[in-house]
Amino acid sequence: MTAFAGWENFYVIVGSSAGALIGLQFVVITLIADTPGAPASAQASGTFATPSVIHFCVVLLLAALVSAPWNGITTISALWGFVGLVGLVYIGIVTRRLFAQTIYQPVFEDWLFHALLPCVAYATLVISAYMAYVHARPALFFVGAAALLLLFIGIHNAWDAVTYHVFVRKRKKREVEGEQAGKH
């Protein structure tokens, strides 16, 4: 019996959820792109939209890696450790983008879901890689927790982006249209 026994259903559910959400994210971005003023938000897309797709892709990658028929945990733990390190570098880039973009003033929730929690998830992958050599079973639980955290972060961020466009940007558009109609 391998260390991965019993994890198949978990990663089928988590991986297929991530794959479906990637597709939905593309549909939503396409629909939002048709709204007036969308090109002005291109600066913020690398900060707010792209990370969600990246997190979903990482969850899908983790599901694929853990579902592969490995003979042991050594190679797979090195791979998820590498994914965690790359993720930490990427979160550094996203954090820099949060500071640099001027379209929207980030609030605490943005810092939490775009910088802090993803950093925790990717750091958990790195720690799990080292932990797997000594305690494989708990390491697998930490990898699963990191995958779920990234999935929930992506869901939150995608929802946040959609509600921002639906409730804030459309309201501002209606206000501008009302002011212009009042001037004529």
Protein backbone atom coordinates (compact mmCIF):
# COMPACT_ATOMS: atom_id res chain seq x y z
CA MET A 1 0.00 0.00 0.00
CA THR A 2 1.46 3.40 -1.01
CA ALA A 3 1.32 6.65 0.91
CA PHE A 4 -1.18 7.92 -1.67
CA ALA A 5 -3.78 5.22 -1.02
CA GLY A 6 -7.12 6.76 -0.20
CA TRP A 7 -6.39 10.13 -1.80
CA GLU A 8 -7.81 9.33 -5.24
CA ASN A 9 -11.34 10.64 -4.62
CA PHE A 10 -10.08 13.78 -2.91
CA TYR A 11 -7.92 14.76 -5.88
CA VAL A 12 -10.56 13.79 -8.43
CA ILE A 13 -12.97 16.19 -6.72
CA VAL A 14 -10.46 18.98 -6.11
CA GLY A 15 -8.77 18.67 -9.51
CA SER A 16 -11.99 18.57 -11.52
CA SER A 17 -13.33 21.52 -9.53
CA ALA A 18 -10.22 23.52 -10.35
CA GLY A 19 -10.47 22.58 -14.03
CA ALA A 20 -14.12 23.62 -14.22
CA LEU A 21 -13.40 26.89 -12.43
CA ILE A 22 -10.60 27.71 -14.88
CA GLY A 23 -13.13 27.41 -17.69
CA LEU A 24 -15.67 29.54 -15.87
CA GLN A 25 -13.03 32.17 -15.19
CA PHE A 26 -12.34 32.43 -18.93
CA VAL A 27 -16.06 32.84 -19.64
CA VAL A 28 -16.44 35.56 -17.00
CA ILE A 29 -13.38 37.46 -18.20
CA THR A 30 -14.72 37.30 -21.76
CA LEU A 31 -18.10 38.68 -20.65
CA ILE A 32 -16.52 41.42 -18.54
CA ALA A 33 -14.21 42.41 -21.40
CA ASP A 34 -17.26 43.54 -23.39
CA THR A 35 -18.27 46.09 -20.77
CA PRO A 36 -17.36 49.72 -21.41
CA GLY A 37 -14.20 50.79 -19.64
CA ALA A 38 -12.79 47.29 -19.44
CA PRO A 39 -9.52 48.17 -21.26
CA ALA A 40 -8.75 50.63 -18.46
CA SER A 41 -8.70 47.73 -16.02
CA ALA A 42 -6.04 45.82 -17.98
CA GLN A 43 -3.46 47.10 -15.48
CA ALA A 44 -5.29 45.36 -12.66
CA SER A 45 -5.91 42.04 -14.47
CA GLY A 46 -2.39 40.79 -13.68
CA THR A 47 -3.04 41.63 -10.06
CA PHE A 48 -6.60 40.47 -9.55
CA ALA A 49 -7.70 38.06 -12.33
CA THR A 50 -4.57 36.17 -13.38
CA PRO A 51 -3.67 34.93 -9.87
CA SER A 52 -7.04 33.18 -9.58
CA VAL A 53 -6.39 31.26 -12.79
CA ILE A 54 -2.85 30.46 -11.60
CA HIS A 55 -4.14 29.14 -8.25
CA PHE A 56 -6.71 26.96 -10.03
CA CYS A 57 -3.98 25.67 -12.36
CA VAL A 58 -1.74 24.83 -9.40
CA VAL A 59 -4.58 22.88 -7.78
CA LEU A 60 -5.14 21.02 -11.04
CA LEU A 61 -1.38 20.34 -11.29
CA LEU A 62 -1.22 19.06 -7.70
CA ALA A 63 -4.18 16.78 -8.37
CA ALA A 64 -2.48 15.40 -11.47
CA LEU A 65 0.86 14.96 -9.72
CA VAL A 66 -0.56 13.19 -6.69
CA SER A 67 -2.81 11.02 -8.88
CA ALA A 68 0.09 9.77 -11.00
CA PRO A 69 1.31 6.24 -10.18
CA TRP A 70 4.49 7.10 -8.28
CA ASN A 71 6.59 4.34 -6.74
CA GLY A 72 7.47 6.47 -3.73
CA ILE A 73 7.08 9.89 -2.25
CA THR A 74 10.57 11.26 -2.97
CA THR A 75 10.00 12.54 -6.51
CA ILE A 76 6.49 13.83 -5.93
CA SER A 77 7.49 15.67 -2.76
CA ALA A 78 10.34 17.36 -4.63
CA LEU A 79 7.87 18.41 -7.32
CA TRP A 80 5.32 19.89 -4.93
CA GLY A 81 8.17 21.61 -3.08
CA PHE A 82 9.27 23.16 -6.38
CA VAL A 83 5.67 24.22 -7.10
CA GLY A 84 5.57 25.83 -3.65
CA LEU A 85 8.81 27.75 -4.24
CA VAL A 86 7.64 28.98 -7.64
CA GLY A 87 4.32 29.94 -6.04
CA LEU A 88 6.09 31.99 -3.36
CA VAL A 89 8.03 33.87 -6.05
CA TYR A 90 4.78 34.45 -7.96
CA ILE A 91 3.04 35.79 -4.85
CA GLY A 92 5.96 38.21 -4.46
CA ILE A 93 5.21 39.44 -7.99
CA VAL A 94 1.48 39.71 -7.25
CA THR A 95 2.21 41.65 -4.05
CA ARG A 96 4.40 44.06 -6.01
CA ARG A 97 1.56 44.46 -8.51
CA LEU A 98 -0.87 45.20 -5.66
CA PHE A 99 1.33 48.13 -4.70
CA ALA A 100 1.92 49.30 -8.28
CA GLN A 101 -1.56 49.23 -9.84
CA THR A 102 -3.60 52.43 -9.64
CA ILE A 103 -7.04 51.27 -10.80
CA TYR A 104 -8.22 50.16 -7.37
CA GLN A 105 -7.10 50.82 -3.80
CA PRO A 106 -6.66 47.39 -2.13
CA VAL A 107 -8.31 46.86 1.25
CA PHE A 108 -7.34 44.35 3.96
CA GLU A 109 -9.39 41.57 2.36
CA ASP A 110 -7.45 42.02 -0.90
CA TRP A 111 -4.12 41.77 0.90
CA LEU A 112 -5.37 38.70 2.77
CA PHE A 113 -6.63 36.80 -0.30
CA HIS A 114 -4.07 37.96 -2.87
CA ALA A 115 -0.90 37.95 -0.77
CA LEU A 116 -1.08 36.46 2.74
CA LEU A 117 -3.22 33.31 2.28
CA PRO A 118 -1.60 32.29 -1.03
CA CYS A 119 1.79 32.72 0.64
CA VAL A 120 0.62 30.38 3.42
CA ALA A 121 -0.59 27.81 0.87
CA TYR A 122 2.64 27.83 -1.15
CA ALA A 123 4.81 27.80 1.99
CA THR A 124 2.79 24.80 3.18
CA LEU A 125 3.75 22.98 -0.03
CA VAL A 126 7.43 23.74 0.58
CA ILE A 127 7.25 22.59 4.20
CA SER A 128 5.35 19.46 3.16
CA ALA A 129 8.10 18.57 0.71
CA TYR A 130 10.64 18.43 3.52
CA MET A 131 8.20 16.83 5.93
CA ALA A 132 7.38 14.01 3.47
CA TYR A 133 10.80 12.43 3.95
CA VAL A 134 10.14 11.92 7.66
CA HIS A 135 6.34 11.75 7.98
CA ALA A 136 4.67 11.04 4.62
CA ARG A 137 1.08 10.73 5.83
CA PRO A 138 0.86 14.13 7.60
CA ALA A 139 2.68 15.73 4.65
CA LEU A 140 -0.07 14.51 2.33
CA PHE A 141 -2.67 16.14 4.56
CA PHE A 142 -0.76 19.42 4.38
CA VAL A 143 -0.59 19.20 0.58
CA GLY A 144 -4.33 18.54 0.51
CA ALA A 145 -4.90 21.53 2.80
CA ALA A 146 -2.76 23.74 0.55
CA ALA A 147 -4.71 22.58 -2.52
CA LEU A 148 -8.03 23.33 -0.82
CA LEU A 149 -6.79 26.70 0.40
CA LEU A 150 -5.70 27.66 -3.13
CA LEU A 151 -9.04 26.46 -4.50
CA PHE A 152 -10.98 28.54 -1.96
CA ILE A 153 -8.73 31.56 -2.53
CA GLY A 154 -9.38 31.32 -6.26
CA ILE A 155 -13.13 31.02 -5.71
CA HIS A 156 -13.13 34.01 -3.37
CA ASN A 157 -11.03 36.15 -5.70
CA ALA A 158 -13.09 35.24 -8.78
CA TRP A 159 -16.30 36.03 -6.91
CA ASP A 160 -14.83 39.29 -5.63
CA ALA A 161 -13.86 40.34 -9.16
CA VAL A 162 -17.28 39.52 -10.58
CA THR A 163 -19.17 41.33 -7.83
CA TYR A 164 -16.88 44.35 -8.22
CA HIS A 165 -17.66 44.54 -11.94
CA VAL A 166 -21.36 43.90 -11.50
CA PHE A 167 -22.08 46.13 -8.51
CA VAL A 168 -19.37 48.81 -8.48
CA ARG A 169 -18.45 49.39 -12.11
CA LYS A 170 -21.99 49.10 -13.48
CA ARG A 171 -23.26 51.47 -10.78
CA LYS A 172 -20.55 53.99 -11.66
CA LYS A 173 -21.45 53.63 -15.35
CA ARG A 174 -25.14 54.31 -14.59
CA GLU A 175 -24.18 57.36 -12.50
CA VAL A 176 -22.04 58.75 -15.34
CA GLU A 177 -24.81 58.09 -17.88
CA GLY A 178 -27.32 59.83 -15.55
CA GLU A 179 -25.07 62.87 -15.22
CA GLN A 180 -24.57 63.05 -18.98
CA ALA A 181 -28.32 62.74 -19.58
CA GLY A 182 -28.94 65.56 -17.08
CA LYS A 183 -26.56 67.87 -18.95
CA HIS A 184 -28.41 67.47 -22.25
